[in-house]
PDB file of N, CA and C in Angstrom:
ATOM      1  N   MET A   1       0.849  -1.169   0.000  1.00  0.00           N
ATOM      2  CA  MET A   1       0.000   0.000   0.000  1.00  0.00           C
ATOM      3  C   MET A   1       0.897   1.236   0.000  1.00  0.00           C
ATOM      4  N   ARG A   2       0.474   2.265  -0.702  1.00  0.00           N
ATOM      5  CA  ARG A   2       1.280   3.467  -0.817  1.00  0.00           C
ATOM      6  C   ARG A   2       0.820   4.533   0.170  1.00  0.00           C
ATOM      7  N   THR A   3       1.690   5.498   0.389  1.00  0.00           N
ATOM      8  CA  THR A   3       1.389   6.618   1.274  1.00  0.00           C
ATOM      9  C   THR A   3       1.221   7.862   0.424  1.00  0.00           C
ATOM     10  N   LEU A   4       0.202   8.632   0.737  1.00  0.00           N
ATOM     11  CA  LEU A   4      -0.087   9.864   0.012  1.00  0.00           C
ATOM     12  C   LEU A   4      -0.102  11.013   1.008  1.00  0.00           C
ATOM     13  N   TYR A   5       0.694  12.022   0.743  1.00  0.00           N
ATOM     14  CA  TYR A   5       0.710  13.214   1.583  1.00  0.00           C
ATOM     15  C   TYR A   5      -0.018  14.325   0.850  1.00  0.00           C
ATOM     16  N   VAL A   6      -0.857  15.047   1.562  1.00  0.00           N
ATOM     17  CA  VAL A   6      -1.601  16.153   0.961  1.00  0.00           C
ATOM     18  C   VAL A   6      -1.246  17.420   1.722  1.00  0.00           C
ATOM     19  N   ARG A   7      -0.794  18.411   0.987  1.00  0.00           N
ATOM     20  CA  ARG A   7      -0.399  19.679   1.608  1.00  0.00           C
ATOM     21  C   ARG A   7      -1.400  20.765   1.247  1.00  0.00           C
ATOM     22  N   ASN A   8      -1.357  21.829   2.027  1.00  0.00           N
ATOM     23  CA  ASN A   8      -2.160  23.032   1.765  1.00  0.00           C
ATOM     24  C   ASN A   8      -3.661  22.748   1.740  1.00  0.00           C
ATOM     25  N   VAL A   9      -4.096  21.903   2.645  1.00  0.00           N
ATOM     26  CA  VAL A   9      -5.521  21.608   2.765  1.00  0.00           C
ATOM     27  C   VAL A   9      -6.166  22.763   3.526  1.00  0.00           C
ATOM     28  N   PRO A  10      -7.186  23.391   2.959  1.00  0.00           N
ATOM     29  CA  PRO A  10      -7.835  24.507   3.642  1.00  0.00           C
ATOM     30  C   PRO A  10      -8.374  24.094   5.012  1.00  0.00           C
ATOM     31  N   ASP A  11      -8.282  25.008   5.961  1.00  0.00           N
ATOM     32  CA  ASP A  11      -8.756  24.734   7.322  1.00  0.00           C
ATOM     33  C   ASP A  11     -10.203  24.248   7.326  1.00  0.00           C
ATOM     34  N   GLU A  12     -11.035  24.856   6.503  1.00  0.00           N
ATOM     35  CA  GLU A  12     -12.451  24.485   6.463  1.00  0.00           C
ATOM     36  C   GLU A  12     -12.621  23.018   6.052  1.00  0.00           C
ATOM     37  N   VAL A  13     -11.822  22.559   5.122  1.00  0.00           N
ATOM     38  CA  VAL A  13     -11.897  21.162   4.677  1.00  0.00           C
ATOM     39  C   VAL A  13     -11.477  20.232   5.808  1.00  0.00           C
ATOM     40  N   VAL A  14     -10.399  20.564   6.489  1.00  0.00           N
ATOM     41  CA  VAL A  14      -9.925  19.740   7.605  1.00  0.00           C
ATOM     42  C   VAL A  14     -10.982  19.693   8.708  1.00  0.00           C
ATOM     43  N   GLU A  15     -11.585  20.833   9.003  1.00  0.00           N
ATOM     44  CA  GLU A  15     -12.606  20.881  10.055  1.00  0.00           C
ATOM     45  C   GLU A  15     -13.802  20.008   9.696  1.00  0.00           C
ATOM     46  N   ARG A  16     -14.211  20.039   8.439  1.00  0.00           N
ATOM     47  CA  ARG A  16     -15.348  19.208   8.025  1.00  0.00           C
ATOM     48  C   ARG A  16     -14.998  17.728   8.073  1.00  0.00           C
ATOM     49  N   LEU A  17     -13.776  17.401   7.688  1.00  0.00           N
ATOM     50  CA  LEU A  17     -13.336  16.007   7.782  1.00  0.00           C
ATOM     51  C   LEU A  17     -13.305  15.549   9.238  1.00  0.00           C
ATOM     52  N   GLU A  18     -12.855  16.419  10.125  1.00  0.00           N
ATOM     53  CA  GLU A  18     -12.843  16.096  11.556  1.00  0.00           C
ATOM     54  C   GLU A  18     -14.263  15.887  12.072  1.00  0.00           C
ATOM     55  N   GLN A  19     -15.192  16.716  11.620  1.00  0.00           N
ATOM     56  CA  GLN A  19     -16.588  16.563  12.029  1.00  0.00           C
ATOM     57  C   GLN A  19     -17.163  15.236  11.537  1.00  0.00           C
ATOM     58  N   LEU A  20     -16.882  14.898  10.275  1.00  0.00           N
ATOM     59  CA  LEU A  20     -17.345  13.616   9.735  1.00  0.00           C
ATOM     60  C   LEU A  20     -16.776  12.449  10.523  1.00  0.00           C
ATOM     61  N   ALA A  21     -15.496  12.521  10.823  1.00  0.00           N
ATOM     62  CA  ALA A  21     -14.841  11.449  11.576  1.00  0.00           C
ATOM     63  C   ALA A  21     -15.468  11.300  12.956  1.00  0.00           C
ATOM     64  N   ALA A  22     -15.701  12.414  13.625  1.00  0.00           N
ATOM     65  CA  ALA A  22     -16.309  12.364  14.954  1.00  0.00           C
ATOM     66  C   ALA A  22     -17.710  11.768  14.881  1.00  0.00           C
ATOM     67  N   ARG A  23     -18.472  12.174  13.877  1.00  0.00           N
ATOM     68  CA  ARG A  23     -19.835  11.674  13.714  1.00  0.00           C
ATOM     69  C   ARG A  23     -19.841  10.170  13.445  1.00  0.00           C
ATOM     70  N   GLU A  24     -18.851   9.697  12.684  1.00  0.00           N
ATOM     71  CA  GLU A  24     -18.778   8.273  12.345  1.00  0.00           C
ATOM     72  C   GLU A  24     -18.023   7.456  13.384  1.00  0.00           C
ATOM     73  N   GLY A  25     -17.434   8.136  14.363  1.00  0.00           N
ATOM     74  CA  GLY A  25     -16.648   7.430  15.368  1.00  0.00           C
ATOM     75  C   GLY A  25     -15.392   6.816  14.778  1.00  0.00           C
ATOM     76  N   SER A  26     -14.813   7.510  13.808  1.00  0.00           N
ATOM     77  CA  SER A  26     -13.602   6.998  13.168  1.00  0.00           C
ATOM     78  C   SER A  26     -12.551   8.100  13.106  1.00  0.00           C
ATOM     79  N   SER A  27     -11.444   7.790  12.479  1.00  0.00           N
ATOM     80  CA  SER A  27     -10.363   8.768  12.371  1.00  0.00           C
ATOM     81  C   SER A  27     -10.519   9.598  11.100  1.00  0.00           C
ATOM     82  N   VAL A  28      -9.853  10.741  11.077  1.00  0.00           N
ATOM     83  CA  VAL A  28      -9.830  11.570   9.872  1.00  0.00           C
ATOM     84  C   VAL A  28      -9.214  10.768   8.732  1.00  0.00           C
ATOM     85  N   ASN A  29      -8.170  10.019   9.028  1.00  0.00           N
ATOM     86  CA  ASN A  29      -7.525   9.196   8.010  1.00  0.00           C
ATOM     87  C   ASN A  29      -8.521   8.229   7.372  1.00  0.00           C
ATOM     88  N   ALA A  30      -9.354   7.575   8.182  1.00  0.00           N
ATOM     89  CA  ALA A  30     -10.341   6.628   7.658  1.00  0.00           C
ATOM     90  C   ALA A  30     -11.365   7.335   6.776  1.00  0.00           C
ATOM     91  N   VAL A  31     -11.792   8.515   7.192  1.00  0.00           N
ATOM     92  CA  VAL A  31     -12.760   9.281   6.402  1.00  0.00           C
ATOM     93  C   VAL A  31     -12.145   9.695   5.071  1.00  0.00           C
ATOM     94  N   VAL A  32     -10.918  10.182   5.105  1.00  0.00           N
ATOM     95  CA  VAL A  32     -10.240  10.605   3.876  1.00  0.00           C
ATOM     96  C   VAL A  32     -10.063   9.420   2.933  1.00  0.00           C
ATOM     97  N   LEU A  33      -9.659   8.267   3.458  1.00  0.00           N
ATOM     98  CA  LEU A  33      -9.508   7.075   2.616  1.00  0.00           C
ATOM     99  C   LEU A  33     -10.827   6.684   1.964  1.00  0.00           C
ATOM    100  N   LYS A  34     -11.907   6.743   2.735  1.00  0.00           N
ATOM    101  CA  LYS A  34     -13.224   6.397   2.197  1.00  0.00           C
ATOM    102  C   LYS A  34     -13.618   7.359   1.078  1.00  0.00           C
ATOM    103  N   GLU A  35     -13.403   8.656   1.296  1.00  0.00           N
ATOM    104  CA  GLU A  35     -13.760   9.660   0.289  1.00  0.00           C
ATOM    105  C   GLU A  35     -12.895   9.540  -0.961  1.00  0.00           C
ATOM    106  N   LEU A  36     -11.606   9.291  -0.788  1.00  0.00           N
ATOM    107  CA  LEU A  36     -10.716   9.117  -1.938  1.00  0.00           C
ATOM    108  C   LEU A  36     -11.095   7.875  -2.741  1.00  0.00           C
ATOM    109  N   ALA A  37     -11.424   6.795  -2.057  1.00  0.00           N
ATOM    110  CA  ALA A  37     -11.832   5.569  -2.746  1.00  0.00           C
ATOM    111  C   ALA A  37     -13.116   5.799  -3.533  1.00  0.00           C
ATOM    112  N   SER A  38     -14.047   6.531  -2.944  1.00  0.00           N
ATOM    113  CA  SER A  38     -15.303   6.842  -3.624  1.00  0.00           C
ATOM    114  C   SER A  38     -15.050   7.689  -4.866  1.00  0.00           C
ATOM    115  N   ALA A  39     -14.201   8.693  -4.738  1.00  0.00           N
ATOM    116  CA  ALA A  39     -13.867   9.546  -5.884  1.00  0.00           C
ATOM    117  C   ALA A  39     -13.166   8.746  -6.972  1.00  0.00           C
ATOM    118  N   ALA A  40     -12.293   7.849  -6.586  1.00  0.00           N
ATOM    119  CA  ALA A  40     -11.563   7.037  -7.564  1.00  0.00           C
ATOM    120  C   ALA A  40     -12.510   6.113  -8.326  1.00  0.00           C
ATOM    121  N   ARG A  41     -13.517   5.569  -7.639  1.00  0.00           N
ATOM    122  CA  ARG A  41     -14.493   4.703  -8.317  1.00  0.00           C
ATOM    123  C   ARG A  41     -15.301   5.488  -9.342  1.00  0.00           C
ATOM    124  N   ARG A  42     -15.626   6.734  -9.035  1.00  0.00           N
ATOM    125  CA  ARG A  42     -16.435   7.548  -9.947  1.00  0.00           C
ATOM    126  C   ARG A  42     -15.703   7.876 -11.239  1.00  0.00           C
ATOM    127  N   THR A  43     -14.385   7.794 -11.256  1.00  0.00           N
ATOM    128  CA  THR A  43     -13.652   8.124 -12.478  1.00  0.00           C
ATOM    129  C   THR A  43     -13.980   7.155 -13.602  1.00  0.00           C
ATOM    130  N   ARG A  44     -14.487   5.982 -13.281  1.00  0.00           N
ATOM    131  CA  ARG A  44     -14.841   4.989 -14.297  1.00  0.00           C
ATOM    132  C   ARG A  44     -16.291   5.090 -14.744  1.00  0.00           C
ATOM    133  N   ASN A  45     -17.083   5.975 -14.131  1.00  0.00           N
ATOM    134  CA  ASN A  45     -18.504   6.036 -14.461  1.00  0.00           C
ATOM    135  C   ASN A  45     -18.757   6.285 -15.943  1.00  0.00           C
ATOM    136  N   ALA A  46     -18.051   7.234 -16.553  1.00  0.00           N
ATOM    137  CA  ALA A  46     -18.266   7.539 -17.970  1.00  0.00           C
ATOM    138  C   ALA A  46     -17.916   6.334 -18.831  1.00  0.00           C
ATOM    139  N   GLU A  47     -16.827   5.665 -18.499  1.00  0.00           N
ATOM    140  CA  GLU A  47     -16.405   4.474 -19.245  1.00  0.00           C
ATOM    141  C   GLU A  47     -17.458   3.371 -19.148  1.00  0.00           C
ATOM    142  N   ILE A  48     -17.980   3.158 -17.958  1.00  0.00           N
ATOM    143  CA  ILE A  48     -19.008   2.134 -17.753  1.00  0.00           C
ATOM    144  C   ILE A  48     -20.281   2.513 -18.502  1.00  0.00           C
ATOM    145  N   PHE A  49     -20.681   3.772 -18.393  1.00  0.00           N
ATOM    146  CA  PHE A  49     -21.887   4.251 -19.070  1.00  0.00           C
ATOM    147  C   PHE A  49     -21.764   4.070 -20.579  1.00  0.00           C
ATOM    148  N   ASP A  50     -20.614   4.435 -21.128  1.00  0.00           N
ATOM    149  CA  ASP A  50     -20.395   4.317 -22.571  1.00  0.00           C
ATOM    150  C   ASP A  50     -20.406   2.871 -23.045  1.00  0.00           C
ATOM    151  N   SER A  51     -20.098   1.926 -22.158  1.00  0.00           N
ATOM    152  CA  SER A  51     -20.062   0.517 -22.551  1.00  0.00           C
ATOM    153  C   SER A  51     -21.443  -0.137 -22.527  1.00  0.00           C
ATOM    154  N   LEU A  52     -22.444   0.545 -21.967  1.00  0.00           N
ATOM    155  CA  LEU A  52     -23.784  -0.026 -21.898  1.00  0.00           C
ATOM    156  C   LEU A  52     -24.446  -0.006 -23.272  1.00  0.00           C
ATOM    157  N   PRO A  53     -25.249  -1.017 -23.573  1.00  0.00           N
ATOM    158  CA  PRO A  53     -25.919  -1.029 -24.877  1.00  0.00           C
ATOM    159  C   PRO A  53     -27.016   0.033 -24.933  1.00  0.00           C
ATOM    160  N   SER A  54     -27.233   0.567 -26.108  1.00  0.00           N
ATOM    161  CA  SER A  54     -28.305   1.537 -26.299  1.00  0.00           C
ATOM    162  C   SER A  54     -29.630   0.794 -26.353  1.00  0.00           C
ATOM    163  N   LEU A  55     -30.621   1.301 -25.647  1.00  0.00           N
ATOM    164  CA  LEU A  55     -31.941   0.677 -25.647  1.00  0.00           C
ATOM    165  C   LEU A  55     -32.869   1.327 -26.664  1.00  0.00           C
ATOM    166  N   GLY A  56     -32.381   2.373 -27.315  1.00  0.00           N
ATOM    167  CA  GLY A  56     -33.196   3.048 -28.315  1.00  0.00           C
ATOM    168  C   GLY A  56     -34.311   3.877 -27.714  1.00  0.00           C
ATOM    169  N   ILE A  57     -34.182   4.221 -26.461  1.00  0.00           N
ATOM    170  CA  ILE A  57     -35.187   5.038 -25.781  1.00  0.00           C
ATOM    171  C   ILE A  57     -34.531   6.363 -25.425  1.00  0.00           C
ATOM    172  N   SER A  58     -35.167   7.454 -25.825  1.00  0.00           N
ATOM    173  CA  SER A  58     -34.579   8.764 -25.546  1.00  0.00           C
ATOM    174  C   SER A  58     -34.893   9.195 -24.120  1.00  0.00           C
ATOM    175  N   ALA A  59     -34.141  10.151 -23.645  1.00  0.00           N
ATOM    176  CA  ALA A  59     -34.395  10.711 -22.313  1.00  0.00           C
ATOM    177  C   ALA A  59     -35.776  11.347 -22.272  1.00  0.00           C
ATOM    178  N   GLU A  60     -36.160  11.980 -23.374  1.00  0.00           N
ATOM    179  CA  GLU A  60     -37.483  12.616 -23.438  1.00  0.00           C
ATOM    180  C   GLU A  60     -38.598  11.581 -23.296  1.00  0.00           C
ATOM    181  N   ASP A  61     -38.449  10.429 -23.979  1.00  0.00           N
ATOM    182  CA  ASP A  61     -39.447   9.357 -23.862  1.00  0.00           C
ATOM    183  C   ASP A  61     -39.529   8.835 -22.434  1.00  0.00           C
ATOM    184  N   THR A  62     -38.390   8.695 -21.803  1.00  0.00           N
ATOM    185  CA  THR A  62     -38.348   8.214 -20.426  1.00  0.00           C
ATOM    186  C   THR A  62     -39.054   9.191 -19.497  1.00  0.00           C
ATOM    187  N   LEU A  63     -38.738  10.477 -19.638  1.00  0.00           N
ATOM    188  CA  LEU A  63     -39.368  11.491 -18.786  1.00  0.00           C
ATOM    189  C   LEU A  63     -40.867  11.564 -19.040  1.00  0.00           C
ATOM    190  N   ARG A  64     -41.276  11.449 -20.290  1.00  0.00           N
ATOM    191  CA  ARG A  64     -42.698  11.476 -20.621  1.00  0.00           C
ATOM    192  C   ARG A  64     -43.414  10.297 -19.960  1.00  0.00           C
ATOM    193  N   ALA A  65     -42.830   9.116 -20.011  1.00  0.00           N
ATOM    194  CA  ALA A  65     -43.437   7.935 -19.392  1.00  0.00           C
ATOM    195  C   ALA A  65     -43.539   8.098 -17.877  1.00  0.00           C
ATOM    196  N   ILE A  66     -42.526   8.681 -17.274  1.00  0.00           N
ATOM    197  CA  ILE A  66     -42.564   8.928 -15.826  1.00  0.00           C
ATOM    198  C   ILE A  66     -43.686   9.897 -15.495  1.00  0.00           C
ATOM    199  N   ASP A  67     -43.772  10.994 -16.254  1.00  0.00           N
ATOM    200  CA  ASP A  67     -44.826  11.988 -16.017  1.00  0.00           C
ATOM    201  C   ASP A  67     -46.215  11.377 -16.186  1.00  0.00           C
ATOM    202  N   GLU A  68     -46.396  10.546 -17.216  1.00  0.00           N
ATOM    203  CA  GLU A  68     -47.691   9.903 -17.438  1.00  0.00           C
ATOM    204  C   GLU A  68     -48.034   8.967 -16.286  1.00  0.00           C
ATOM    205  N   GLY A  69     -47.055   8.229 -15.804  1.00  0.00           N
ATOM    206  CA  GLY A  69     -47.284   7.340 -14.674  1.00  0.00           C
ATOM    207  C   GLY A  69     -47.668   8.096 -13.418  1.00  0.00           C
ATOM    208  N   ARG A  70     -47.026   9.216 -13.204  1.00  0.00           N
ATOM    209  CA  ARG A  70     -47.348  10.030 -12.025  1.00  0.00           C
ATOM    210  C   ARG A  70     -48.733  10.643 -12.148  1.00  0.00           C
ATOM    211  N   ALA A  71     -49.116  11.022 -13.355  1.00  0.00           N
ATOM    212  CA  ALA A  71     -50.425  11.649 -13.566  1.00  0.00           C
ATOM    213  C   ALA A  71     -51.560  10.663 -13.301  1.00  0.00           C
ATOM    214  N   ARG A  72     -51.306   9.374 -13.481  1.00  0.00           N
ATOM    215  CA  ARG A  72     -52.340   8.355 -13.263  1.00  0.00           C
ATOM    216  C   ARG A  72     -52.562   8.039 -11.793  1.00  0.00           C
ATOM    217  N   ARG A  73     -51.706   8.506 -10.930  1.00  0.00           N
ATOM    218  CA  ARG A  73     -51.849   8.187  -9.496  1.00  0.00           C
ATOM    219  C   ARG A  73     -53.024   8.880  -8.894  1.00  0.00           C
TER     220      ARG A  73
END
């Protein structure tokens, strides 16, 4: 496992990380690792989305169907 040092972190960011850690009963390090892992996973979202097959349904058709379903309630 590698070590990553981060410099010049704004005080406000550190304070919020400390608050999150306290709320979760964990360390700032654990919170930062969790957030970094989450951000790293999101970098593949566009690649995954682009690999999905097209269903031939437009966003407009989807929204229209949702609106029609809601109107029937």
